[in-house]
Amino acid sequence: MAIDLLYFAWIREAIGRDGETVDLPDGVKTVAMLIDWLAERGGGYTEAFVDRSRLRVAVDQEFAGLDASLAGVREIALFPPVTGG
């Protein structure tokens, strides 16, 4: 299953790209499993995903938790927590 991944802020900087389209392995069923799989790619991916408490996720443009299912999903955005004032 192909899925579009979007990376923002320091995640984008660590990985060195703002997004990509990937074919997920059959066993990757949740956002948490996707993050594990990405981290195993090494380099900037490992650096970007080492601390999950610093990650926020949107699944098809809706905020979601790491336990969100990837069934039928077209896009995942990964970004740091956002603060404002």
PDB file of N, CA and C in Angstrom:
ATOM      1  N   MET A   1       0.843  -1.169   0.000  1.00  0.00           N
ATOM      2  CA  MET A   1       0.000   0.000   0.000  1.00  0.00           C
ATOM      3  C   MET A   1       0.897   1.243   0.000  1.00  0.00           C
ATOM      4  N   ALA A   2       0.714   2.132  -0.966  1.00  0.00           N
ATOM      5  CA  ALA A   2       1.478   3.380  -1.040  1.00  0.00           C
ATOM      6  C   ALA A   2       0.809   4.444  -0.179  1.00  0.00           C
ATOM      7  N   ILE A   3       1.624   5.215   0.503  1.00  0.00           N
ATOM      8  CA  ILE A   3       1.124   6.270   1.377  1.00  0.00           C
ATOM      9  C   ILE A   3       2.068   7.473   1.267  1.00  0.00           C
ATOM     10  N   ASP A   4       1.486   8.673   1.272  1.00  0.00           N
ATOM     11  CA  ASP A   4       2.278   9.898   1.240  1.00  0.00           C
ATOM     12  C   ASP A   4       2.630  10.298   2.662  1.00  0.00           C
ATOM     13  N   LEU A   5       3.911  10.585   2.882  1.00  0.00           N
ATOM     14  CA  LEU A   5       4.389  11.040   4.176  1.00  0.00           C
ATOM     15  C   LEU A   5       4.866  12.474   4.037  1.00  0.00           C
ATOM     16  N   LEU A   6       4.452  13.322   4.967  1.00  0.00           N
ATOM     17  CA  LEU A   6       4.864  14.715   4.995  1.00  0.00           C
ATOM     18  C   LEU A   6       5.615  14.972   6.291  1.00  0.00           C
ATOM     19  N   TYR A   7       6.760  15.645   6.191  1.00  0.00           N
ATOM     20  CA  TYR A   7       7.599  15.932   7.357  1.00  0.00           C
ATOM     21  C   TYR A   7       7.716  17.440   7.535  1.00  0.00           C
ATOM     22  N   PHE A   8       7.635  17.904   8.779  1.00  0.00           N
ATOM     23  CA  PHE A   8       7.682  19.323   9.070  1.00  0.00           C
ATOM     24  C   PHE A   8       8.720  19.655  10.130  1.00  0.00           C
ATOM     25  N   ALA A   9       9.223  20.889  10.088  1.00  0.00           N
ATOM     26  CA  ALA A   9      10.131  21.470  11.075  1.00  0.00           C
ATOM     27  C   ALA A   9      11.392  20.619  11.241  1.00  0.00           C
ATOM     28  N   TRP A  10      11.804  20.336  12.490  1.00  0.00           N
ATOM     29  CA  TRP A  10      13.050  19.618  12.717  1.00  0.00           C
ATOM     30  C   TRP A  10      13.000  18.185  12.212  1.00  0.00           C
ATOM     31  N   ILE A  11      11.826  17.618  12.046  1.00  0.00           N
ATOM     32  CA  ILE A  11      11.729  16.271  11.472  1.00  0.00           C
ATOM     33  C   ILE A  11      12.200  16.325  10.018  1.00  0.00           C
ATOM     34  N   ARG A  12      11.702  17.318   9.278  1.00  0.00           N
ATOM     35  CA  ARG A  12      12.119  17.520   7.884  1.00  0.00           C
ATOM     36  C   ARG A  12      13.628  17.747   7.816  1.00  0.00           C
ATOM     37  N   GLU A  13      14.144  18.559   8.732  1.00  0.00           N
ATOM     38  CA  GLU A  13      15.575  18.851   8.720  1.00  0.00           C
ATOM     39  C   GLU A  13      16.417  17.609   8.999  1.00  0.00           C
ATOM     40  N   ALA A  14      15.996  16.790   9.948  1.00  0.00           N
ATOM     41  CA  ALA A  14      16.751  15.574  10.279  1.00  0.00           C
ATOM     42  C   ALA A  14      16.759  14.583   9.119  1.00  0.00           C
ATOM     43  N   ILE A  15      15.605  14.435   8.464  1.00  0.00           N
ATOM     44  CA  ILE A  15      15.481  13.461   7.377  1.00  0.00           C
ATOM     45  C   ILE A  15      16.080  14.001   6.075  1.00  0.00           C
ATOM     46  N   GLY A  16      15.994  15.320   5.895  1.00  0.00           N
ATOM     47  CA  GLY A  16      16.554  15.915   4.698  1.00  0.00           C
ATOM     48  C   GLY A  16      15.592  16.009   3.530  1.00  0.00           C
ATOM     49  N   ARG A  17      14.313  15.876   3.819  1.00  0.00           N
ATOM     50  CA  ARG A  17      13.284  16.013   2.782  1.00  0.00           C
ATOM     51  C   ARG A  17      11.972  16.395   3.434  1.00  0.00           C
ATOM     52  N   ASP A  18      11.083  16.986   2.633  1.00  0.00           N
ATOM     53  CA  ASP A  18       9.797  17.415   3.196  1.00  0.00           C
ATOM     54  C   ASP A  18       8.696  16.386   3.030  1.00  0.00           C
ATOM     55  N   GLY A  19       8.979  15.338   2.309  1.00  0.00           N
ATOM     56  CA  GLY A  19       7.994  14.279   2.152  1.00  0.00           C
ATOM     57  C   GLY A  19       8.459  13.207   1.200  1.00  0.00           C
ATOM     58  N   GLU A  20       7.672  12.153   1.138  1.00  0.00           N
ATOM     59  CA  GLU A  20       7.962  11.042   0.227  1.00  0.00           C
ATOM     60  C   GLU A  20       6.738  10.148   0.153  1.00  0.00           C
ATOM     61  N   THR A  21       6.707   9.329  -0.870  1.00  0.00           N
ATOM     62  CA  THR A  21       5.679   8.304  -0.996  1.00  0.00           C
ATOM     63  C   THR A  21       6.365   6.966  -0.782  1.00  0.00           C
ATOM     64  N   VAL A  22       5.800   6.159   0.122  1.00  0.00           N
ATOM     65  CA  VAL A  22       6.398   4.866   0.441  1.00  0.00           C
ATOM     66  C   VAL A  22       5.370   3.753   0.281  1.00  0.00           C
ATOM     67  N   ASP A  23       5.870   2.579  -0.006  1.00  0.00           N
ATOM     68  CA  ASP A  23       5.048   1.368   0.008  1.00  0.00           C
ATOM     69  C   ASP A  23       5.272   0.699   1.352  1.00  0.00           C
ATOM     70  N   LEU A  24       4.230   0.614   2.141  1.00  0.00           N
ATOM     71  CA  LEU A  24       4.353   0.041   3.477  1.00  0.00           C
ATOM     72  C   LEU A  24       4.454  -1.475   3.430  1.00  0.00           C
ATOM     73  N   PRO A  25       5.309  -2.041   4.279  1.00  0.00           N
ATOM     74  CA  PRO A  25       5.334  -3.500   4.415  1.00  0.00           C
ATOM     75  C   PRO A  25       3.995  -3.986   4.973  1.00  0.00           C
ATOM     76  N   ASP A  26       3.641  -5.209   4.695  1.00  0.00           N
ATOM     77  CA  ASP A  26       2.356  -5.769   5.129  1.00  0.00           C
ATOM     78  C   ASP A  26       2.124  -5.671   6.630  1.00  0.00           C
ATOM     79  N   GLY A  27       3.154  -5.794   7.444  1.00  0.00           N
ATOM     80  CA  GLY A  27       2.981  -5.807   8.891  1.00  0.00           C
ATOM     81  C   GLY A  27       2.771  -4.441   9.528  1.00  0.00           C
ATOM     82  N   VAL A  28       2.902  -3.368   8.764  1.00  0.00           N
ATOM     83  CA  VAL A  28       2.775  -2.017   9.319  1.00  0.00           C
ATOM     84  C   VAL A  28       1.306  -1.618   9.273  1.00  0.00           C
ATOM     85  N   LYS A  29       0.653  -1.627  10.448  1.00  0.00           N
ATOM     86  CA  LYS A  29      -0.796  -1.424  10.531  1.00  0.00           C
ATOM     87  C   LYS A  29      -1.221  -0.154  11.273  1.00  0.00           C
ATOM     88  N   THR A  30      -0.304   0.449  12.058  1.00  0.00           N
ATOM     89  CA  THR A  30      -0.638   1.638  12.847  1.00  0.00           C
ATOM     90  C   THR A  30       0.433   2.712  12.636  1.00  0.00           C
ATOM     91  N   VAL A  31       0.134   3.916  13.078  1.00  0.00           N
ATOM     92  CA  VAL A  31       1.113   4.996  12.996  1.00  0.00           C
ATOM     93  C   VAL A  31       2.363   4.635  13.785  1.00  0.00           C
ATOM     94  N   ALA A  32       2.207   4.061  14.970  1.00  0.00           N
ATOM     95  CA  ALA A  32       3.370   3.666  15.775  1.00  0.00           C
ATOM     96  C   ALA A  32       4.250   2.674  15.022  1.00  0.00           C
ATOM     97  N   MET A  33       3.640   1.716  14.350  1.00  0.00           N
ATOM     98  CA  MET A  33       4.407   0.748  13.569  1.00  0.00           C
ATOM     99  C   MET A  33       5.103   1.425  12.393  1.00  0.00           C
ATOM    100  N   LEU A  34       4.464   2.414  11.799  1.00  0.00           N
ATOM    101  CA  LEU A  34       5.076   3.185  10.715  1.00  0.00           C
ATOM    102  C   LEU A  34       6.311   3.910  11.226  1.00  0.00           C
ATOM    103  N   ILE A  35       6.198   4.540  12.388  1.00  0.00           N
ATOM    104  CA  ILE A  35       7.337   5.257  12.961  1.00  0.00           C
ATOM    105  C   ILE A  35       8.481   4.293  13.270  1.00  0.00           C
ATOM    106  N   ASP A  36       8.168   3.122  13.808  1.00  0.00           N
ATOM    107  CA  ASP A  36       9.203   2.102  14.051  1.00  0.00           C
ATOM    108  C   ASP A  36       9.906   1.732  12.751  1.00  0.00           C
ATOM    109  N   TRP A  37       9.118   1.496  11.717  1.00  0.00           N
ATOM    110  CA  TRP A  37       9.666   1.106  10.418  1.00  0.00           C
ATOM    111  C   TRP A  37      10.547   2.218   9.842  1.00  0.00           C
ATOM    112  N   LEU A  38      10.095   3.452   9.940  1.00  0.00           N
ATOM    113  CA  LEU A  38      10.888   4.577   9.441  1.00  0.00           C
ATOM    114  C   LEU A  38      12.192   4.709  10.218  1.00  0.00           C
ATOM    115  N   ALA A  39      12.134   4.586  11.545  1.00  0.00           N
ATOM    116  CA  ALA A  39      13.330   4.725  12.383  1.00  0.00           C
ATOM    117  C   ALA A  39      14.384   3.681  12.026  1.00  0.00           C
ATOM    118  N   GLU A  40      13.940   2.517  11.594  1.00  0.00           N
ATOM    119  CA  GLU A  40      14.871   1.443  11.217  1.00  0.00           C
ATOM    120  C   GLU A  40      15.637   1.758   9.937  1.00  0.00           C
ATOM    121  N   ARG A  41      15.214   2.784   9.210  1.00  0.00           N
ATOM    122  CA  ARG A  41      15.920   3.158   7.988  1.00  0.00           C
ATOM    123  C   ARG A  41      17.282   3.769   8.291  1.00  0.00           C
ATOM    124  N   GLY A  42      17.498   4.175   9.545  1.00  0.00           N
ATOM    125  CA  GLY A  42      18.784   4.713   9.964  1.00  0.00           C
ATOM    126  C   GLY A  42      18.941   6.193   9.659  1.00  0.00           C
ATOM    127  N   GLY A  43      20.125   6.699   9.948  1.00  0.00           N
ATOM    128  CA  GLY A  43      20.467   8.092   9.677  1.00  0.00           C
ATOM    129  C   GLY A  43      19.491   9.078  10.279  1.00  0.00           C
ATOM    130  N   GLY A  44      19.080  10.037   9.477  1.00  0.00           N
ATOM    131  CA  GLY A  44      18.171  11.078   9.925  1.00  0.00           C
ATOM    132  C   GLY A  44      16.830  10.554  10.392  1.00  0.00           C
ATOM    133  N   TYR A  45      16.395   9.420   9.841  1.00  0.00           N
ATOM    134  CA  TYR A  45      15.122   8.835  10.273  1.00  0.00           C
ATOM    135  C   TYR A  45      15.195   8.407  11.739  1.00  0.00           C
ATOM    136  N   THR A  46      16.267   7.742  12.105  1.00  0.00           N
ATOM    137  CA  THR A  46      16.434   7.316  13.494  1.00  0.00           C
ATOM    138  C   THR A  46      16.470   8.527  14.406  1.00  0.00           C
ATOM    139  N   GLU A  47      17.212   9.554  14.003  1.00  0.00           N
ATOM    140  CA  GLU A  47      17.308  10.789  14.791  1.00  0.00           C
ATOM    141  C   GLU A  47      15.934  11.449  14.950  1.00  0.00           C
ATOM    142  N   ALA A  48      15.173  11.520  13.883  1.00  0.00           N
ATOM    143  CA  ALA A  48      13.880  12.205  13.906  1.00  0.00           C
ATOM    144  C   ALA A  48      12.857  11.495  14.788  1.00  0.00           C
ATOM    145  N   PHE A  49      12.939  10.174  14.858  1.00  0.00           N
ATOM    146  CA  PHE A  49      11.891   9.413  15.529  1.00  0.00           C
ATOM    147  C   PHE A  49      12.326   8.747  16.828  1.00  0.00           C
ATOM    148  N   VAL A  50      13.435   9.192  17.390  1.00  0.00           N
ATOM    149  CA  VAL A  50      13.940   8.587  18.613  1.00  0.00           C
ATOM    150  C   VAL A  50      13.044   8.878  19.824  1.00  0.00           C
ATOM    151  N   ASP A  51      12.408  10.028  19.862  1.00  0.00           N
ATOM    152  CA  ASP A  51      11.588  10.413  21.017  1.00  0.00           C
ATOM    153  C   ASP A  51      10.155  10.684  20.563  1.00  0.00           C
ATOM    154  N   ARG A  52       9.304   9.702  20.708  1.00  0.00           N
ATOM    155  CA  ARG A  52       7.917   9.819  20.242  1.00  0.00           C
ATOM    156  C   ARG A  52       7.117  10.879  20.990  1.00  0.00           C
ATOM    157  N   SER A  53       7.534  11.231  22.194  1.00  0.00           N
ATOM    158  CA  SER A  53       6.802  12.260  22.943  1.00  0.00           C
ATOM    159  C   SER A  53       6.916  13.624  22.268  1.00  0.00           C
ATOM    160  N   ARG A  54       7.860  13.754  21.359  1.00  0.00           N
ATOM    161  CA  ARG A  54       8.058  15.009  20.625  1.00  0.00           C
ATOM    162  C   ARG A  54       7.372  15.004  19.263  1.00  0.00           C
ATOM    163  N   LEU A  55       6.518  14.023  19.003  1.00  0.00           N
ATOM    164  CA  LEU A  55       5.864  13.909  17.704  1.00  0.00           C
ATOM    165  C   LEU A  55       4.366  14.152  17.797  1.00  0.00           C
ATOM    166  N   ARG A  56       3.841  14.763  16.771  1.00  0.00           N
ATOM    167  CA  ARG A  56       2.401  14.862  16.572  1.00  0.00           C
ATOM    168  C   ARG A  56       2.125  14.322  15.177  1.00  0.00           C
ATOM    169  N   VAL A  57       0.901  13.830  14.991  1.00  0.00           N
ATOM    170  CA  VAL A  57       0.561  13.154  13.744  1.00  0.00           C
ATOM    171  C   VAL A  57      -0.795  13.621  13.239  1.00  0.00           C
ATOM    172  N   ALA A  58      -0.895  13.755  11.939  1.00  0.00           N
ATOM    173  CA  ALA A  58      -2.186  13.955  11.283  1.00  0.00           C
ATOM    174  C   ALA A  58      -2.355  12.844  10.262  1.00  0.00           C
ATOM    175  N   VAL A  59      -3.508  12.203  10.308  1.00  0.00           N
ATOM    176  CA  VAL A  59      -3.847  11.124   9.374  1.00  0.00           C
ATOM    177  C   VAL A  59      -4.937  11.662   8.461  1.00  0.00           C
ATOM    178  N   ASP A  60      -4.618  11.742   7.180  1.00  0.00           N
ATOM    179  CA  ASP A  60      -5.540  12.341   6.211  1.00  0.00           C
ATOM    180  C   ASP A  60      -6.082  13.678   6.715  1.00  0.00           C
ATOM    181  N   GLN A  61      -5.158  14.512   7.197  1.00  0.00           N
ATOM    182  CA  GLN A  61      -5.401  15.892   7.639  1.00  0.00           C
ATOM    183  C   GLN A  61      -6.256  16.018   8.904  1.00  0.00           C
ATOM    184  N   GLU A  62      -6.301  14.954   9.710  1.00  0.00           N
ATOM    185  CA  GLU A  62      -6.994  14.982  11.005  1.00  0.00           C
ATOM    186  C   GLU A  62      -5.997  14.550  12.076  1.00  0.00           C
ATOM    187  N   PHE A  63      -5.915  15.319  13.177  1.00  0.00           N
ATOM    188  CA  PHE A  63      -5.028  14.914  14.260  1.00  0.00           C
ATOM    189  C   PHE A  63      -5.374  13.501  14.713  1.00  0.00           C
ATOM    190  N   ALA A  64      -4.337  12.726  15.025  1.00  0.00           N
ATOM    191  CA  ALA A  64      -4.541  11.329  15.422  1.00  0.00           C
ATOM    192  C   ALA A  64      -3.464  10.926  16.415  1.00  0.00           C
ATOM    193  N   GLY A  65      -3.716   9.825  17.090  1.00  0.00           N
ATOM    194  CA  GLY A  65      -2.745   9.259  18.012  1.00  0.00           C
ATOM    195  C   GLY A  65      -1.857   8.251  17.315  1.00  0.00           C
ATOM    196  N   LEU A  66      -0.837   7.825  18.019  1.00  0.00           N
ATOM    197  CA  LEU A  66       0.095   6.855  17.447  1.00  0.00           C
ATOM    198  C   LEU A  66      -0.538   5.488  17.254  1.00  0.00           C
ATOM    199  N   ASP A  67      -1.670   5.249  17.909  1.00  0.00           N
ATOM    200  CA  ASP A  67      -2.357   3.969  17.753  1.00  0.00           C
ATOM    201  C   ASP A  67      -3.332   3.973  16.571  1.00  0.00           C
ATOM    202  N   ALA A  68      -3.393   5.068  15.823  1.00  0.00           N
ATOM    203  CA  ALA A  68      -4.328   5.167  14.689  1.00  0.00           C
ATOM    204  C   ALA A  68      -4.005   4.131  13.616  1.00  0.00           C
ATOM    205  N   SER A  69      -5.031   3.535  13.072  1.00  0.00           N
ATOM    206  CA  SER A  69      -4.899   2.542  12.010  1.00  0.00           C
ATOM    207  C   SER A  69      -4.499   3.215  10.698  1.00  0.00           C
ATOM    208  N   LEU A  70      -3.749   2.497   9.890  1.00  0.00           N
ATOM    209  CA  LEU A  70      -3.364   2.979   8.569  1.00  0.00           C
ATOM    210  C   LEU A  70      -4.256   2.428   7.460  1.00  0.00           C
ATOM    211  N   ALA A  71      -5.271   1.674   7.817  1.00  0.00           N
ATOM    212  CA  ALA A  71      -6.167   1.080   6.813  1.00  0.00           C
ATOM    213  C   ALA A  71      -6.839   2.186   5.996  1.00  0.00           C
ATOM    214  N   GLY A  72      -6.618   2.167   4.702  1.00  0.00           N
ATOM    215  CA  GLY A  72      -7.244   3.117   3.792  1.00  0.00           C
ATOM    216  C   GLY A  72      -6.676   4.526   3.839  1.00  0.00           C
ATOM    217  N   VAL A  73      -5.629   4.758   4.594  1.00  0.00           N
ATOM    218  CA  VAL A  73      -5.043   6.091   4.745  1.00  0.00           C
ATOM    219  C   VAL A  73      -4.221   6.443   3.514  1.00  0.00           C
ATOM    220  N   ARG A  74      -4.307   7.700   3.103  1.00  0.00           N
ATOM    221  CA  ARG A  74      -3.550   8.177   1.946  1.00  0.00           C
ATOM    222  C   ARG A  74      -2.373   9.057   2.332  1.00  0.00           C
ATOM    223  N   GLU A  75      -2.497   9.761   3.498  1.00  0.00           N
ATOM    224  CA  GLU A  75      -1.467  10.730   3.865  1.00  0.00           C
ATOM    225  C   GLU A  75      -1.251  10.754   5.369  1.00  0.00           C
ATOM    226  N   ILE A  76       0.027  10.791   5.756  1.00  0.00           N
ATOM    227  CA  ILE A  76       0.426  10.943   7.153  1.00  0.00           C
ATOM    228  C   ILE A  76       1.351  12.148   7.234  1.00  0.00           C
ATOM    229  N   ALA A  77       1.058  13.068   8.133  1.00  0.00           N
ATOM    230  CA  ALA A  77       1.929  14.201   8.389  1.00  0.00           C
ATOM    231  C   ALA A  77       2.528  14.022   9.769  1.00  0.00           C
ATOM    232  N   LEU A  78       3.834  14.217   9.868  1.00  0.00           N
ATOM    233  CA  LEU A  78       4.562  14.090  11.130  1.00  0.00           C
ATOM    234  C   LEU A  78       5.218  15.426  11.442  1.00  0.00           C
ATOM    235  N   PHE A  79       4.979  15.941  12.655  1.00  0.00           N
ATOM    236  CA  PHE A  79       5.451  17.268  13.004  1.00  0.00           C
ATOM    237  C   PHE A  79       5.630  17.365  14.515  1.00  0.00           C
ATOM    238  N   PRO A  80       6.377  18.383  14.972  1.00  0.00           N
ATOM    239  CA  PRO A  80       6.545  18.575  16.413  1.00  0.00           C
ATOM    240  C   PRO A  80       5.305  19.216  17.007  1.00  0.00           C
ATOM    241  N   PRO A  81       5.203  19.189  18.343  1.00  0.00           N
ATOM    242  CA  PRO A  81       4.105  19.910  18.983  1.00  0.00           C
ATOM    243  C   PRO A  81       4.149  21.384  18.589  1.00  0.00           C
ATOM    244  N   VAL A  82       2.999  21.974  18.433  1.00  0.00           N
ATOM    245  CA  VAL A  82       2.921  23.368  18.011  1.00  0.00           C
ATOM    246  C   VAL A  82       2.506  24.210  19.199  1.00  0.00           C
ATOM    247  N   THR A  83       3.228  25.302  19.391  1.00  0.00           N
ATOM    248  CA  THR A  83       2.857  26.244  20.436  1.00  0.00           C
ATOM    249  C   THR A  83       2.635  27.600  19.793  1.00  0.00           C
ATOM    250  N   GLY A  84       1.904  28.403  20.448  1.00  0.00           N
ATOM    251  CA  GLY A  84       1.650  29.734  19.904  1.00  0.00           C
ATOM    252  C   GLY A  84       1.280  30.695  21.014  1.00  0.00           C
ATOM    253  N   GLY A  85       1.119  31.899  20.618  1.00  0.00           N
ATOM    254  CA  GLY A  85       0.796  32.872  21.639  1.00  0.00           C
ATOM    255  C   GLY A  85       0.093  34.060  21.046  1.00  0.00           C
TER     256      GLY A  85
END
